[in-house]
N, C-alpha and C. Protein backbone atom coordinates (compact mmCIF):
# COMPACT_ATOMS: atom_id res chain seq x y z
N UNK A 1 -14.16 15.88 -15.19
CA UNK A 1 -15.36 15.50 -16.38
C UNK A 1 -16.75 16.34 -15.92
N UNK A 2 -17.81 16.29 -16.18
CA UNK A 2 -18.83 17.08 -15.78
C UNK A 2 -20.01 16.07 -15.77
N UNK A 3 -20.78 16.63 -14.56
CA UNK A 3 -22.22 15.41 -14.28
C UNK A 3 -22.51 14.42 -14.81
N UNK A 4 -23.37 15.19 -16.70
CA UNK A 4 -23.77 14.65 -16.78
C UNK A 4 -22.89 13.32 -17.95
N UNK A 5 -21.57 13.70 -18.26
CA UNK A 5 -20.78 12.72 -17.99
C UNK A 5 -20.02 10.94 -17.31
N UNK A 6 -20.16 12.43 -16.16
CA UNK A 6 -20.18 10.86 -14.91
C UNK A 6 -21.48 10.04 -14.84
N UNK A 7 -22.69 10.55 -15.09
CA UNK A 7 -23.24 10.50 -15.01
C UNK A 7 -23.89 9.05 -16.11
N UNK A 8 -23.30 9.43 -17.12
CA UNK A 8 -23.41 8.09 -18.45
C UNK A 8 -22.75 7.28 -18.35
N UNK A 9 -21.30 7.25 -16.96
CA UNK A 9 -20.24 6.18 -16.97
C UNK A 9 -21.42 4.95 -16.63
N UNK A 10 -20.22 3.33 -17.20
CA UNK A 10 -20.89 2.62 -16.46
C UNK A 10 -20.17 2.10 -15.15
N UNK A 11 -20.73 0.89 -14.46
CA UNK A 11 -20.01 1.19 -13.28
C UNK A 11 -18.31 0.85 -13.44
N UNK A 12 -18.26 0.30 -14.60
CA UNK A 12 -17.34 -0.30 -15.10
C UNK A 12 -16.20 0.80 -14.98
N UNK A 13 -17.19 1.30 -16.29
CA UNK A 13 -16.16 2.43 -16.26
C UNK A 13 -15.36 3.42 -15.25
N UNK A 14 -16.68 3.71 -14.30
CA UNK A 14 -16.73 4.61 -13.52
C UNK A 14 -14.95 4.45 -12.38
N UNK A 15 -15.31 2.90 -12.07
CA UNK A 15 -14.31 2.51 -11.41
C UNK A 15 -13.25 2.86 -12.25
N UNK A 16 -12.75 3.02 -13.37
CA UNK A 16 -11.33 3.13 -13.94
C UNK A 16 -11.41 5.24 -14.04
N UNK A 17 -12.02 5.48 -13.41
CA UNK A 17 -12.20 7.28 -14.03
C UNK A 17 -11.48 7.43 -13.53
N UNK A 18 -10.83 7.57 -12.02
CA UNK A 18 -10.42 8.53 -10.72
C UNK A 18 -11.14 9.33 -10.18
N UNK A 19 -12.44 9.71 -10.59
CA UNK A 19 -13.34 10.36 -9.75
C UNK A 19 -13.99 10.15 -8.74
N UNK A 20 -14.09 11.51 -7.57
CA UNK A 20 -14.17 11.30 -6.56
C UNK A 20 -15.44 12.27 -6.70
N UNK A 21 -17.09 11.41 -6.29
CA UNK A 21 -18.03 12.12 -6.52
C UNK A 21 -18.77 12.44 -4.65
N UNK A 22 -19.36 13.45 -4.36
CA UNK A 22 -20.02 13.58 -3.47
C UNK A 22 -21.44 13.61 -3.43
N UNK A 23 -22.10 12.86 -2.63
CA UNK A 23 -23.67 12.55 -3.23
C UNK A 23 -24.45 12.26 -2.43
N UNK A 24 -25.91 12.96 -2.11
CA UNK A 24 -26.98 12.46 -0.61
C UNK A 24 -28.14 11.63 -1.43
N UNK A 25 -27.76 10.91 -0.66
CA UNK A 25 -28.77 9.69 -0.39
C UNK A 25 -30.05 9.59 -0.12
N UNK A 26 -30.77 9.50 -0.71
CA UNK A 26 -32.38 9.78 0.07
C UNK A 26 -32.87 9.07 1.03
N UNK A 27 -32.10 7.43 0.66
CA UNK A 27 -32.49 6.51 1.49
C UNK A 27 -31.49 6.56 2.86
N UNK A 28 -30.47 7.41 2.82
CA UNK A 28 -29.80 6.85 3.32
C UNK A 28 -29.20 8.53 4.53
N UNK A 29 -29.95 8.94 3.41
CA UNK A 29 -30.69 10.53 4.18
C UNK A 29 -28.94 11.52 5.47
N UNK A 30 -27.99 11.22 4.27
CA UNK A 30 -26.56 11.63 4.50
C UNK A 30 -26.39 11.41 2.95
N UNK A 31 -24.78 12.70 3.31
CA UNK A 31 -24.63 13.11 2.18
C UNK A 31 -23.12 12.23 2.23
N UNK A 32 -22.69 11.40 1.24
CA UNK A 32 -21.34 9.91 0.90
C UNK A 32 -20.48 10.49 0.09
N UNK A 33 -19.77 9.78 -0.31
CA UNK A 33 -18.86 9.87 -1.38
C UNK A 33 -18.37 9.10 -2.13
N UNK A 34 -19.29 8.64 -3.40
CA UNK A 34 -18.52 7.60 -4.23
C UNK A 34 -17.08 7.97 -4.79
N UNK A 35 -16.22 6.86 -4.88
CA UNK A 35 -15.24 7.16 -5.49
C UNK A 35 -14.71 5.80 -6.03
N UNK A 36 -13.70 6.50 -7.13
CA UNK A 36 -13.60 5.51 -8.10
C UNK A 36 -12.58 4.32 -7.25
N UNK A 37 -12.28 2.93 -7.81
CA UNK A 37 -11.53 2.61 -7.25
C UNK A 37 -9.46 2.53 -7.45
N UNK A 38 -9.28 3.67 -8.40
CA UNK A 38 -8.11 4.62 -8.33
C UNK A 38 -8.24 5.76 -8.21
N UNK A 39 -8.98 5.79 -7.34
CA UNK A 39 -8.92 7.87 -7.25
C UNK A 39 -8.45 7.72 -5.58
N UNK A 40 -7.87 8.66 -5.11
CA UNK A 40 -7.33 9.05 -4.24
C UNK A 40 -7.87 10.14 -3.59
N UNK A 41 -8.26 9.59 -2.33
CA UNK A 41 -9.25 9.78 -0.65
C UNK A 41 -8.80 11.01 0.07
N UNK A 42 -8.84 12.09 0.35
CA UNK A 42 -8.48 12.60 0.75
C UNK A 42 -8.80 11.81 2.20
N UNK A 43 -7.26 11.94 3.30
CA UNK A 43 -7.31 11.29 4.23
C UNK A 43 -7.61 11.97 5.86
N UNK A 44 -8.36 11.32 6.45
CA UNK A 44 -9.27 12.14 7.36
C UNK A 44 -10.94 12.67 6.49
N UNK A 45 -11.11 12.05 5.52
CA UNK A 45 -12.46 12.44 5.01
C UNK A 45 -13.66 12.32 6.06
N UNK A 46 -14.53 13.04 6.37
CA UNK A 46 -15.25 12.61 7.47
C UNK A 46 -16.83 11.56 6.87
N UNK A 47 -17.26 11.66 5.84
CA UNK A 47 -18.29 11.36 4.85
C UNK A 47 -17.25 9.48 4.40
N UNK A 48 -19.17 9.51 5.04
CA UNK A 48 -18.30 7.04 4.02
C UNK A 48 -18.22 7.24 3.29
N UNK A 49 -17.03 6.55 2.30
CA UNK A 49 -16.95 6.42 1.43
C UNK A 49 -17.02 5.05 1.00
N UNK A 50 -17.88 5.27 -0.33
CA UNK A 50 -17.74 3.93 -0.80
C UNK A 50 -17.55 3.81 -2.06
N UNK A 51 -16.20 2.95 -2.22
CA UNK A 51 -15.04 3.00 -3.52
C UNK A 51 -16.56 1.92 -4.57
N UNK A 52 -15.73 2.12 -6.16
CA UNK A 52 -16.44 1.15 -6.91
C UNK A 52 -17.04 0.22 -6.85
N UNK A 53 -15.79 -0.53 -6.03
CA UNK A 53 -15.88 -2.20 -5.70
C UNK A 53 -17.29 -2.39 -4.73
N UNK A 54 -17.57 -1.31 -3.97
CA UNK A 54 -18.14 -2.23 -3.42
C UNK A 54 -19.83 -2.15 -3.39
N UNK A 55 -19.92 -0.74 -4.66
CA UNK A 55 -20.92 -0.39 -4.99
C UNK A 55 -21.32 -2.14 -5.80
N UNK A 56 -20.65 -2.49 -6.33
CA UNK A 56 -20.80 -3.88 -6.56
C UNK A 56 -21.59 -4.89 -6.26
N UNK A 57 -21.05 -4.67 -5.07
CA UNK A 57 -21.41 -5.74 -3.52
C UNK A 57 -22.91 -4.87 -3.10
N UNK A 58 -23.65 -4.21 -3.18
CA UNK A 58 -24.31 -3.26 -2.94
C UNK A 58 -25.76 -3.28 -4.16
N UNK A 59 -25.22 -3.57 -5.04
CA UNK A 59 -26.38 -3.35 -6.56
C UNK A 59 -27.03 -4.67 -6.05
N UNK A 60 -28.91 -3.66 -5.81
CA UNK A 60 -29.53 -4.95 -5.74
C UNK A 60 -30.05 -5.39 -4.37
N UNK A 61 -29.61 -4.77 -3.89
CA UNK A 61 -30.09 -4.88 -1.89
C UNK A 61 -30.93 -3.56 -2.28
N UNK A 62 -32.55 -3.97 -1.31
CA UNK A 62 -33.61 -3.17 -0.62
C UNK A 62 -32.84 -2.40 0.21
N UNK A 63 -33.56 -1.15 -0.09
CA UNK A 63 -33.33 -0.03 1.18
C UNK A 63 -33.60 -0.56 2.86
N UNK A 64 -33.72 -1.09 3.22
CA UNK A 64 -33.38 -1.97 4.05
C UNK A 64 -32.13 -2.52 4.32
N UNK A 65 -32.20 -3.25 3.39
CA UNK A 65 -30.43 -3.59 3.75
C UNK A 65 -29.80 -2.66 3.43
N UNK A 66 -29.61 -2.30 2.65
CA UNK A 66 -28.93 -0.86 2.18
C UNK A 66 -28.57 -0.14 3.24
N UNK A 67 -29.24 0.31 4.54
CA UNK A 67 -29.64 0.71 5.16
C UNK A 67 -28.65 -0.25 6.74
N UNK A 68 -28.46 -1.45 6.45
CA UNK A 68 -27.99 -1.98 7.79
C UNK A 68 -26.78 -2.37 7.18
N UNK A 69 -26.39 -2.08 6.07
CA UNK A 69 -25.20 -2.05 5.59
C UNK A 69 -24.24 -1.37 6.12
N UNK A 70 -25.09 0.00 5.96
CA UNK A 70 -23.99 1.54 6.13
C UNK A 70 -23.77 1.19 7.30
N UNK A 71 -24.92 0.89 8.70
CA UNK A 71 -24.97 1.54 10.15
C UNK A 71 -23.56 0.57 10.32
N UNK A 72 -23.14 -0.69 9.33
CA UNK A 72 -22.68 -0.77 9.82
C UNK A 72 -21.44 -0.83 9.50
N UNK A 73 -21.41 -0.21 8.29
CA UNK A 73 -19.95 0.43 7.23
C UNK A 73 -19.22 2.01 8.10
N UNK A 74 -20.62 2.83 8.83
CA UNK A 74 -20.45 3.53 9.55
C UNK A 74 -19.59 3.83 10.78
N UNK A 75 -20.28 2.42 11.52
CA UNK A 75 -19.64 2.34 12.91
C UNK A 75 -18.63 1.38 12.39
N UNK A 76 -17.49 0.72 11.56
CA UNK A 76 -16.41 0.36 12.09
C UNK A 76 -15.01 0.71 10.83
N UNK A 77 -16.27 1.65 10.25
CA UNK A 77 -14.95 2.31 9.30
C UNK A 77 -14.87 1.83 8.25
N UNK A 78 -15.08 0.59 7.88
CA UNK A 78 -14.35 -0.85 7.40
C UNK A 78 -14.65 -0.47 5.74
N UNK A 79 -14.68 -2.02 5.36
CA UNK A 79 -14.92 -1.44 3.43
C UNK A 79 -16.00 -2.74 3.11
N UNK A 80 -16.92 -3.01 2.71
CA UNK A 80 -17.61 -4.14 2.10
C UNK A 80 -16.45 -4.75 0.90
N UNK A 81 -16.82 -6.15 1.49
CA UNK A 81 -16.31 -7.59 0.72
C UNK A 81 -17.23 -8.13 0.16
N UNK A 82 -16.49 -9.04 -1.13
CA UNK A 82 -17.35 -10.17 -1.06
C UNK A 82 -17.49 -11.10 -0.37
N UNK A 83 -18.76 -12.41 -0.03
CA UNK A 83 -18.44 -12.91 0.70
C UNK A 83 -17.99 -14.78 1.17
């Protein structure tokens, strides 16, 4: 999948695409992994991984809120779920 094809996907399409993408976040000032819900991520990946299902929960957060959530995810290495 090319970068252009990836950028043209809706979140729902990305969730089913099997894609794993490394991105730089200027808000979080670090590299992250964005992964489709059905993607295989290498065990032991050192960067924080956000699945498509988690991205749905983060949509609309202000930068400060995103940074707070990211700090917690980083410490606990967990995943974000609906409240």
